[in-house]
Amino acid sequence: VQLQACGGGLVQAGGSLRLSCAASERTFSLYFMGWFRQAPGKEREFVAAIRWSGGSTYYADSVKGRFSISRDNVKNMVFLQMNSLKPEDAAVYSCVIKTSRPYSGFYYMTTFYDYWGQGTKVTVSS
């Protein structure tokens, strides 16, 4: 499975961006998709996830109320709408997907996911 993320760029603080991620194939079981980010010199951190069946969403506290994750079941895509961006949101955002069971760990853990996409860079100017 290949994941292709796009939509990053440069935005002023307070602005918005929408990230997209497409999975390359649909011959697999899809349980979760989500986003992690990593800023220079910092550890990778969970941003948001969506349960494919039912659409339940989960967010890091740092982005709650500002970011929104959604999915397109037909196109096997996940989106991250990012509003009210802050300089501390600047990072490389990576799309992830979970296609296997049983679950090992939790949706906010990097080890939970089976595939990672190449990141898309988000820069927020103050």
Protein backbone atom coordinates (compact mmCIF):
# COMPACT_ATOMS: atom_id res chain seq x y z
CA VAL A 1 0.00 0.00 0.00
CA GLN A 2 1.32 3.38 -0.92
CA LEU A 3 0.13 6.61 0.62
CA GLN A 4 0.46 9.91 -1.16
CA ALA A 5 0.02 13.05 0.92
CA CYS A 6 -0.22 16.56 -0.43
CA GLY A 7 -1.49 20.00 0.47
CA GLY A 8 1.33 21.33 2.60
CA GLY A 9 2.80 24.75 2.08
CA LEU A 10 3.51 28.11 3.61
CA VAL A 11 0.74 29.91 5.46
CA GLN A 12 0.56 32.82 7.84
CA ALA A 13 -0.40 32.27 11.44
CA GLY A 14 -4.16 32.17 11.70
CA GLY A 15 -4.51 30.79 8.22
CA SER A 16 -5.74 27.44 6.96
CA LEU A 17 -4.49 24.51 4.95
CA ARG A 18 -6.08 21.26 3.85
CA LEU A 19 -3.98 18.15 3.61
CA SER A 20 -5.03 15.16 1.55
CA CYS A 21 -3.83 11.59 1.50
CA ALA A 22 -4.74 8.87 -0.96
CA ALA A 23 -4.19 5.14 -0.52
CA SER A 24 -3.00 3.40 -3.65
CA GLU A 25 -5.24 0.38 -3.55
CA ARG A 26 -8.39 -0.97 -2.04
CA THR A 27 -7.74 -4.69 -1.92
CA PHE A 28 -7.06 -4.48 1.77
CA SER A 29 -9.04 -4.08 4.94
CA LEU A 30 -8.93 -0.52 6.17
CA TYR A 31 -9.45 0.18 9.85
CA PHE A 32 -7.91 3.55 10.60
CA MET A 33 -6.25 6.40 8.76
CA GLY A 34 -4.56 9.29 10.42
CA TRP A 35 -1.88 11.93 10.59
CA PHE A 36 1.31 12.37 12.55
CA ARG A 37 3.70 15.28 12.44
CA GLN A 38 7.32 15.90 13.20
CA ALA A 39 8.93 19.26 13.69
CA PRO A 40 12.70 19.73 13.43
CA GLY A 41 14.43 18.51 16.54
CA LYS A 42 11.23 17.09 18.01
CA GLU A 43 9.72 13.66 18.26
CA ARG A 44 6.99 12.54 15.96
CA GLU A 45 3.58 13.19 17.46
CA PHE A 46 0.04 12.08 16.85
CA VAL A 47 -2.28 14.66 15.29
CA ALA A 48 -5.56 13.00 14.34
CA ALA A 49 -7.11 9.69 13.33
CA ILE A 50 -10.37 8.42 11.92
CA ARG A 51 -11.91 5.00 12.29
CA TRP A 52 -12.89 3.90 8.82
CA SER A 53 -16.01 2.07 9.89
CA GLY A 54 -18.32 4.53 11.53
CA GLY A 55 -16.10 7.55 11.10
CA SER A 56 -15.21 8.19 14.73
CA THR A 57 -12.51 10.82 14.99
CA TYR A 58 -9.70 11.36 17.47
CA TYR A 59 -7.45 14.37 18.01
CA ALA A 60 -4.41 15.43 19.93
CA ASP A 61 -5.28 17.99 22.55
CA SER A 62 -3.04 20.53 20.85
CA VAL A 63 -5.22 20.57 17.70
CA LYS A 64 -8.72 19.99 19.06
CA GLY A 65 -11.14 22.62 17.86
CA ARG A 66 -8.79 23.76 15.09
CA PHE A 67 -8.16 20.66 12.99
CA SER A 68 -10.71 18.34 11.46
CA ILE A 69 -10.11 14.92 9.94
CA SER A 70 -12.47 13.41 7.40
CA ARG A 71 -12.51 10.61 4.85
CA ASP A 72 -13.78 9.65 1.44
CA ASN A 73 -14.78 6.01 1.54
CA VAL A 74 -15.04 5.68 -2.21
CA LYS A 75 -11.68 7.19 -3.07
CA ASN A 76 -9.86 5.80 -0.02
CA MET A 77 -8.73 9.26 0.96
CA VAL A 78 -8.31 11.06 4.22
CA PHE A 79 -8.21 14.81 4.71
CA LEU A 80 -6.95 17.10 7.43
CA GLN A 81 -8.48 20.54 7.52
CA MET A 82 -6.22 22.77 9.57
CA ASN A 83 -7.58 26.12 10.71
CA SER A 84 -6.19 28.82 12.98
CA LEU A 85 -2.70 27.58 12.32
CA LYS A 86 0.01 28.51 14.78
CA PRO A 87 3.79 28.61 14.30
CA GLU A 88 4.03 25.54 16.53
CA ASP A 89 1.98 23.58 14.00
CA ALA A 90 4.83 23.80 11.53
CA ALA A 91 6.10 20.31 10.80
CA VAL A 92 6.24 17.54 8.26
CA TYR A 93 2.84 15.85 8.30
CA SER A 94 2.68 12.16 7.46
CA CYS A 95 -0.34 10.11 6.58
CA VAL A 96 -0.75 6.65 8.14
CA ILE A 97 -3.01 3.67 7.61
CA LYS A 98 -3.91 0.60 9.59
CA THR A 99 -4.88 -2.44 7.55
CA SER A 100 -4.28 -5.34 9.91
CA ARG A 101 -5.85 -6.99 12.90
CA PRO A 102 -5.66 -7.66 15.79
CA TYR A 103 -4.92 -4.18 17.03
CA SER A 104 -1.65 -3.75 18.84
CA GLY A 105 -1.63 -0.58 20.84
CA PHE A 106 -3.73 2.50 20.30
CA TYR A 107 -4.49 4.91 17.47
CA TYR A 108 -2.17 7.59 18.88
CA MET A 109 0.86 5.32 18.79
CA THR A 110 3.23 5.21 15.81
CA THR A 111 3.49 1.43 16.09
CA PHE A 112 -0.27 1.01 15.66
CA TYR A 113 -0.13 1.69 11.93
CA ASP A 114 0.96 -0.57 9.11
CA TYR A 115 1.96 1.91 6.43
CA TRP A 116 3.33 5.43 6.36
CA GLY A 117 3.34 7.89 3.54
CA GLN A 118 5.94 10.45 2.66
CA GLY A 119 5.28 13.63 4.50
CA THR A 120 4.12 16.99 3.33
CA LYS A 121 5.69 20.05 4.87
CA VAL A 122 3.66 22.72 6.59
CA THR A 123 5.32 26.03 7.37
CA VAL A 124 3.55 28.66 9.46
CA SER A 125 4.93 32.16 9.53
CA SER A 126 4.30 34.40 12.52
